[in-house]
Amino acid sequence: MALPKIKTILYTTSLGKHTRPVFRQAVNLAQQFDAHIIMLHVIEPIGELGQALIQNYLPQDLVKNP
């Protein structure tokens, strides 16, 4: 039984300095299998102070209120 063709690679990251070699490996695998990479970075919701800073520094049309 043949293995299924790899079409998409999900690359999850914390965006830290130590993740660069892992990203390179994902790119190498994507090139080898002619696949796409989906990069996922998840963070916790920002608090009230962070929301206030964003609203003060970004144009209103770019800010999405929860």
PDB file of N, CA and C in Angstrom:
ATOM      1  N   MET A   1       0.840  -1.181   0.000  1.00  0.00           N
ATOM      2  CA  MET A   1       0.000   0.000   0.000  1.00  0.00           C
ATOM      3  C   MET A   1       0.886   1.246   0.000  1.00  0.00           C
ATOM      4  N   ALA A   2       0.661   2.122  -0.946  1.00  0.00           N
ATOM      5  CA  ALA A   2       1.473   3.332  -1.083  1.00  0.00           C
ATOM      6  C   ALA A   2       1.019   4.400  -0.087  1.00  0.00           C
ATOM      7  N   LEU A   3       1.978   5.194   0.348  1.00  0.00           N
ATOM      8  CA  LEU A   3       1.655   6.299   1.247  1.00  0.00           C
ATOM      9  C   LEU A   3       0.934   7.395   0.471  1.00  0.00           C
ATOM     10  N   PRO A   4       0.033   8.136   1.127  1.00  0.00           N
ATOM     11  CA  PRO A   4      -0.659   9.224   0.427  1.00  0.00           C
ATOM     12  C   PRO A   4       0.315  10.353   0.075  1.00  0.00           C
ATOM     13  N   LYS A   5       0.015  11.074  -0.997  1.00  0.00           N
ATOM     14  CA  LYS A   5       0.852  12.186  -1.434  1.00  0.00           C
ATOM     15  C   LYS A   5       0.706  13.347  -0.455  1.00  0.00           C
ATOM     16  N   ILE A   6       1.816  13.927  -0.067  1.00  0.00           N
ATOM     17  CA  ILE A   6       1.797  15.088   0.831  1.00  0.00           C
ATOM     18  C   ILE A   6       1.538  16.319  -0.023  1.00  0.00           C
ATOM     19  N   LYS A   7       0.434  16.995   0.268  1.00  0.00           N
ATOM     20  CA  LYS A   7       0.061  18.189  -0.495  1.00  0.00           C
ATOM     21  C   LYS A   7       0.210  19.462   0.321  1.00  0.00           C
ATOM     22  N   THR A   8       0.040  19.344   1.643  1.00  0.00           N
ATOM     23  CA  THR A   8       0.080  20.500   2.526  1.00  0.00           C
ATOM     24  C   THR A   8       0.826  20.143   3.805  1.00  0.00           C
ATOM     25  N   ILE A   9       1.675  21.062   4.253  1.00  0.00           N
ATOM     26  CA  ILE A   9       2.401  20.899   5.509  1.00  0.00           C
ATOM     27  C   ILE A   9       1.928  22.004   6.448  1.00  0.00           C
ATOM     28  N   LEU A  10       1.456  21.621   7.631  1.00  0.00           N
ATOM     29  CA  LEU A  10       1.053  22.588   8.641  1.00  0.00           C
ATOM     30  C   LEU A  10       2.256  22.848   9.536  1.00  0.00           C
ATOM     31  N   TYR A  11       2.750  24.066   9.499  1.00  0.00           N
ATOM     32  CA  TYR A  11       3.910  24.468  10.287  1.00  0.00           C
ATOM     33  C   TYR A  11       3.427  25.362  11.415  1.00  0.00           C
ATOM     34  N   THR A  12       3.496  24.877  12.645  1.00  0.00           N
ATOM     35  CA  THR A  12       3.106  25.679  13.800  1.00  0.00           C
ATOM     36  C   THR A  12       4.360  26.249  14.447  1.00  0.00           C
ATOM     37  N   THR A  13       4.277  27.490  14.904  1.00  0.00           N
ATOM     38  CA  THR A  13       5.472  28.149  15.399  1.00  0.00           C
ATOM     39  C   THR A  13       5.162  29.124  16.525  1.00  0.00           C
ATOM     40  N   SER A  14       6.151  29.325  17.386  1.00  0.00           N
ATOM     41  CA  SER A  14       6.070  30.367  18.408  1.00  0.00           C
ATOM     42  C   SER A  14       6.799  31.625  17.931  1.00  0.00           C
ATOM     43  N   LEU A  15       7.386  31.561  16.749  1.00  0.00           N
ATOM     44  CA  LEU A  15       8.147  32.649  16.131  1.00  0.00           C
ATOM     45  C   LEU A  15       9.410  33.004  16.914  1.00  0.00           C
ATOM     46  N   GLY A  16       9.910  32.070  17.714  1.00  0.00           N
ATOM     47  CA  GLY A  16      11.141  32.294  18.452  1.00  0.00           C
ATOM     48  C   GLY A  16      12.373  32.057  17.582  1.00  0.00           C
ATOM     49  N   LYS A  17      13.529  32.492  18.079  1.00  0.00           N
ATOM     50  CA  LYS A  17      14.776  32.323  17.332  1.00  0.00           C
ATOM     51  C   LYS A  17      15.111  30.859  17.095  1.00  0.00           C
ATOM     52  N   HIS A  18      14.734  30.009  18.028  1.00  0.00           N
ATOM     53  CA  HIS A  18      15.064  28.588  17.934  1.00  0.00           C
ATOM     54  C   HIS A  18      14.233  27.853  16.888  1.00  0.00           C
ATOM     55  N   THR A  19      13.247  28.497  16.294  1.00  0.00           N
ATOM     56  CA  THR A  19      12.362  27.812  15.346  1.00  0.00           C
ATOM     57  C   THR A  19      12.844  27.887  13.898  1.00  0.00           C
ATOM     58  N   ARG A  20      13.869  28.662  13.645  1.00  0.00           N
ATOM     59  CA  ARG A  20      14.359  28.823  12.270  1.00  0.00           C
ATOM     60  C   ARG A  20      14.768  27.493  11.619  1.00  0.00           C
ATOM     61  N   PRO A  21      15.504  26.612  12.302  1.00  0.00           N
ATOM     62  CA  PRO A  21      15.853  25.326  11.667  1.00  0.00           C
ATOM     63  C   PRO A  21      14.623  24.462  11.360  1.00  0.00           C
ATOM     64  N   VAL A  22      13.611  24.564  12.192  1.00  0.00           N
ATOM     65  CA  VAL A  22      12.393  23.788  11.958  1.00  0.00           C
ATOM     66  C   VAL A  22      11.685  24.319  10.712  1.00  0.00           C
ATOM     67  N   PHE A  23      11.648  25.639  10.549  1.00  0.00           N
ATOM     68  CA  PHE A  23      11.034  26.209   9.363  1.00  0.00           C
ATOM     69  C   PHE A  23      11.800  25.803   8.104  1.00  0.00           C
ATOM     70  N   ARG A  24      13.124  25.816   8.175  1.00  0.00           N
ATOM     71  CA  ARG A  24      13.926  25.382   7.025  1.00  0.00           C
ATOM     72  C   ARG A  24      13.592  23.936   6.639  1.00  0.00           C
ATOM     73  N   GLN A  25      13.405  23.090   7.640  1.00  0.00           N
ATOM     74  CA  GLN A  25      13.050  21.693   7.374  1.00  0.00           C
ATOM     75  C   GLN A  25      11.681  21.612   6.704  1.00  0.00           C
ATOM     76  N   ALA A  26      10.745  22.418   7.161  1.00  0.00           N
ATOM     77  CA  ALA A  26       9.414  22.437   6.541  1.00  0.00           C
ATOM     78  C   ALA A  26       9.505  22.886   5.087  1.00  0.00           C
ATOM     79  N   VAL A  27      10.329  23.888   4.817  1.00  0.00           N
ATOM     80  CA  VAL A  27      10.520  24.358   3.437  1.00  0.00           C
ATOM     81  C   VAL A  27      11.154  23.259   2.587  1.00  0.00           C
ATOM     82  N   ASN A  28      12.167  22.591   3.124  1.00  0.00           N
ATOM     83  CA  ASN A  28      12.803  21.498   2.378  1.00  0.00           C
ATOM     84  C   ASN A  28      11.812  20.397   2.047  1.00  0.00           C
ATOM     85  N   LEU A  29      10.977  20.034   3.014  1.00  0.00           N
ATOM     86  CA  LEU A  29       9.965  19.000   2.767  1.00  0.00           C
ATOM     87  C   LEU A  29       8.943  19.469   1.731  1.00  0.00           C
ATOM     88  N   ALA A  30       8.539  20.727   1.814  1.00  0.00           N
ATOM     89  CA  ALA A  30       7.580  21.259   0.844  1.00  0.00           C
ATOM     90  C   ALA A  30       8.166  21.223  -0.567  1.00  0.00           C
ATOM     91  N   GLN A  31       9.436  21.563  -0.701  1.00  0.00           N
ATOM     92  CA  GLN A  31      10.078  21.510  -2.018  1.00  0.00           C
ATOM     93  C   GLN A  31      10.193  20.063  -2.509  1.00  0.00           C
ATOM     94  N   GLN A  32      10.553  19.176  -1.612  1.00  0.00           N
ATOM     95  CA  GLN A  32      10.721  17.767  -1.971  1.00  0.00           C
ATOM     96  C   GLN A  32       9.405  17.151  -2.451  1.00  0.00           C
ATOM     97  N   PHE A  33       8.307  17.483  -1.794  1.00  0.00           N
ATOM     98  CA  PHE A  33       7.020  16.882  -2.122  1.00  0.00           C
ATOM     99  C   PHE A  33       6.119  17.793  -2.949  1.00  0.00           C
ATOM    100  N   ASP A  34       6.646  18.949  -3.387  1.00  0.00           N
ATOM    101  CA  ASP A  34       5.861  19.916  -4.149  1.00  0.00           C
ATOM    102  C   ASP A  34       4.574  20.250  -3.394  1.00  0.00           C
ATOM    103  N   ALA A  35       4.722  20.581  -2.117  1.00  0.00           N
ATOM    104  CA  ALA A  35       3.589  20.829  -1.228  1.00  0.00           C
ATOM    105  C   ALA A  35       3.536  22.298  -0.827  1.00  0.00           C
ATOM    106  N   HIS A  36       2.404  22.698  -0.306  1.00  0.00           N
ATOM    107  CA  HIS A  36       2.215  24.039   0.237  1.00  0.00           C
ATOM    108  C   HIS A  36       2.462  24.004   1.744  1.00  0.00           C
ATOM    109  N   ILE A  37       2.873  25.151   2.293  1.00  0.00           N
ATOM    110  CA  ILE A  37       3.044  25.284   3.738  1.00  0.00           C
ATOM    111  C   ILE A  37       1.981  26.240   4.269  1.00  0.00           C
ATOM    112  N   ILE A  38       1.314  25.814   5.314  1.00  0.00           N
ATOM    113  CA  ILE A  38       0.428  26.696   6.059  1.00  0.00           C
ATOM    114  C   ILE A  38       1.106  26.951   7.394  1.00  0.00           C
ATOM    115  N   MET A  39       1.348  28.241   7.696  1.00  0.00           N
ATOM    116  CA  MET A  39       2.011  28.591   8.947  1.00  0.00           C
ATOM    117  C   MET A  39       0.967  29.057   9.949  1.00  0.00           C
ATOM    118  N   LEU A  40       1.032  28.520  11.157  1.00  0.00           N
ATOM    119  CA  LEU A  40       0.071  28.853  12.203  1.00  0.00           C
ATOM    120  C   LEU A  40       0.808  29.368  13.429  1.00  0.00           C
ATOM    121  N   HIS A  41       0.429  30.563  13.861  1.00  0.00           N
ATOM    122  CA  HIS A  41       0.977  31.158  15.080  1.00  0.00           C
ATOM    123  C   HIS A  41      -0.210  31.637  15.900  1.00  0.00           C
ATOM    124  N   VAL A  42      -0.351  31.132  17.095  1.00  0.00           N
ATOM    125  CA  VAL A  42      -1.489  31.455  17.948  1.00  0.00           C
ATOM    126  C   VAL A  42      -0.981  32.156  19.200  1.00  0.00           C
ATOM    127  N   ILE A  43      -1.678  33.213  19.591  1.00  0.00           N
ATOM    128  CA  ILE A  43      -1.331  33.925  20.812  1.00  0.00           C
ATOM    129  C   ILE A  43      -2.581  34.069  21.680  1.00  0.00           C
ATOM    130  N   GLU A  44      -2.357  34.327  22.950  1.00  0.00           N
ATOM    131  CA  GLU A  44      -3.476  34.563  23.857  1.00  0.00           C
ATOM    132  C   GLU A  44      -4.102  35.914  23.531  1.00  0.00           C
ATOM    133  N   PRO A  45      -5.393  36.076  23.817  1.00  0.00           N
ATOM    134  CA  PRO A  45      -6.028  37.388  23.588  1.00  0.00           C
ATOM    135  C   PRO A  45      -5.326  38.469  24.415  1.00  0.00           C
ATOM    136  N   ILE A  46      -5.259  39.667  23.848  1.00  0.00           N
ATOM    137  CA  ILE A  46      -4.623  40.767  24.579  1.00  0.00           C
ATOM    138  C   ILE A  46      -5.578  41.312  25.634  1.00  0.00           C
ATOM    139  N   GLY A  47      -5.030  41.900  26.657  1.00  0.00           N
ATOM    140  CA  GLY A  47      -5.834  42.472  27.729  1.00  0.00           C
ATOM    141  C   GLY A  47      -6.313  43.872  27.392  1.00  0.00           C
ATOM    142  N   GLU A  48      -6.905  44.518  28.379  1.00  0.00           N
ATOM    143  CA  GLU A  48      -7.459  45.863  28.176  1.00  0.00           C
ATOM    144  C   GLU A  48      -6.375  46.886  27.855  1.00  0.00           C
ATOM    145  N   LEU A  49      -5.220  46.783  28.511  1.00  0.00           N
ATOM    146  CA  LEU A  49      -4.134  47.722  28.251  1.00  0.00           C
ATOM    147  C   LEU A  49      -3.633  47.575  26.811  1.00  0.00           C
ATOM    148  N   GLY A  50      -3.438  46.349  26.373  1.00  0.00           N
ATOM    149  CA  GLY A  50      -2.999  46.105  25.003  1.00  0.00           C
ATOM    150  C   GLY A  50      -4.001  46.618  23.991  1.00  0.00           C
ATOM    151  N   GLN A  51      -5.280  46.403  24.251  1.00  0.00           N
ATOM    152  CA  GLN A  51      -6.332  46.893  23.355  1.00  0.00           C
ATOM    153  C   GLN A  51      -6.311  48.413  23.279  1.00  0.00           C
ATOM    154  N   ALA A  52      -6.117  49.079  24.426  1.00  0.00           N
ATOM    155  CA  ALA A  52      -6.063  50.544  24.449  1.00  0.00           C
ATOM    156  C   ALA A  52      -4.862  51.056  23.655  1.00  0.00           C
ATOM    157  N   LEU A  53      -3.717  50.394  23.796  1.00  0.00           N
ATOM    158  CA  LEU A  53      -2.528  50.807  23.037  1.00  0.00           C
ATOM    159  C   LEU A  53      -2.754  50.669  21.537  1.00  0.00           C
ATOM    160  N   ILE A  54      -3.346  49.563  21.141  1.00  0.00           N
ATOM    161  CA  ILE A  54      -3.615  49.347  19.714  1.00  0.00           C
ATOM    162  C   ILE A  54      -4.545  50.422  19.182  1.00  0.00           C
ATOM    163  N   GLN A  55      -5.593  50.749  19.919  1.00  0.00           N
ATOM    164  CA  GLN A  55      -6.549  51.754  19.459  1.00  0.00           C
ATOM    165  C   GLN A  55      -5.921  53.139  19.372  1.00  0.00           C
ATOM    166  N   ASN A  56      -4.908  53.416  20.201  1.00  0.00           N
ATOM    167  CA  ASN A  56      -4.249  54.719  20.169  1.00  0.00           C
ATOM    168  C   ASN A  56      -3.232  54.846  19.037  1.00  0.00           C
ATOM    169  N   TYR A  57      -2.650  53.716  18.586  1.00  0.00           N
ATOM    170  CA  TYR A  57      -1.562  53.775  17.615  1.00  0.00           C
ATOM    171  C   TYR A  57      -1.945  53.376  16.195  1.00  0.00           C
ATOM    172  N   LEU A  58      -3.072  52.719  16.028  1.00  0.00           N
ATOM    173  CA  LEU A  58      -3.478  52.284  14.691  1.00  0.00           C
ATOM    174  C   LEU A  58      -4.684  53.066  14.226  1.00  0.00           C
ATOM    175  N   PRO A  59      -4.785  53.278  12.907  1.00  0.00           N
ATOM    176  CA  PRO A  59      -5.992  53.933  12.390  1.00  0.00           C
ATOM    177  C   PRO A  59      -7.234  53.102  12.733  1.00  0.00           C
ATOM    178  N   GLN A  60      -8.330  53.770  12.993  1.00  0.00           N
ATOM    179  CA  GLN A  60      -9.558  53.118  13.440  1.00  0.00           C
ATOM    180  C   GLN A  60     -10.045  52.064  12.449  1.00  0.00           C
ATOM    181  N   ASP A  61      -9.837  52.275  11.137  1.00  0.00           N
ATOM    182  CA  ASP A  61     -10.313  51.293  10.164  1.00  0.00           C
ATOM    183  C   ASP A  61      -9.528  49.993  10.194  1.00  0.00           C
ATOM    184  N   LEU A  62      -8.367  49.959  10.852  1.00  0.00           N
ATOM    185  CA  LEU A  62      -7.588  48.731  10.975  1.00  0.00           C
ATOM    186  C   LEU A  62      -7.880  47.979  12.263  1.00  0.00           C
ATOM    187  N   VAL A  63      -8.519  48.641  13.217  1.00  0.00           N
ATOM    188  CA  VAL A  63      -8.766  48.029  14.526  1.00  0.00           C
ATOM    189  C   VAL A  63     -10.127  47.343  14.521  1.00  0.00           C
ATOM    190  N   LYS A  64     -10.126  46.066  14.874  1.00  0.00           N
ATOM    191  CA  LYS A  64     -11.383  45.322  14.991  1.00  0.00           C
ATOM    192  C   LYS A  64     -11.697  45.176  16.472  1.00  0.00           C
ATOM    193  N   ASN A  65     -12.806  45.709  16.872  1.00  0.00           N
ATOM    194  CA  ASN A  65     -13.224  45.578  18.276  1.00  0.00           C
ATOM    195  C   ASN A  65     -13.886  44.231  18.482  1.00  0.00           C
ATOM    196  N   PRO A  66     -13.629  43.605  19.652  1.00  0.00           N
ATOM    197  CA  PRO A  66     -14.227  42.284  19.901  1.00  0.00           C
ATOM    198  C   PRO A  66     -15.738  42.341  20.029  1.00  0.00           C
TER     199      PRO A  66
END
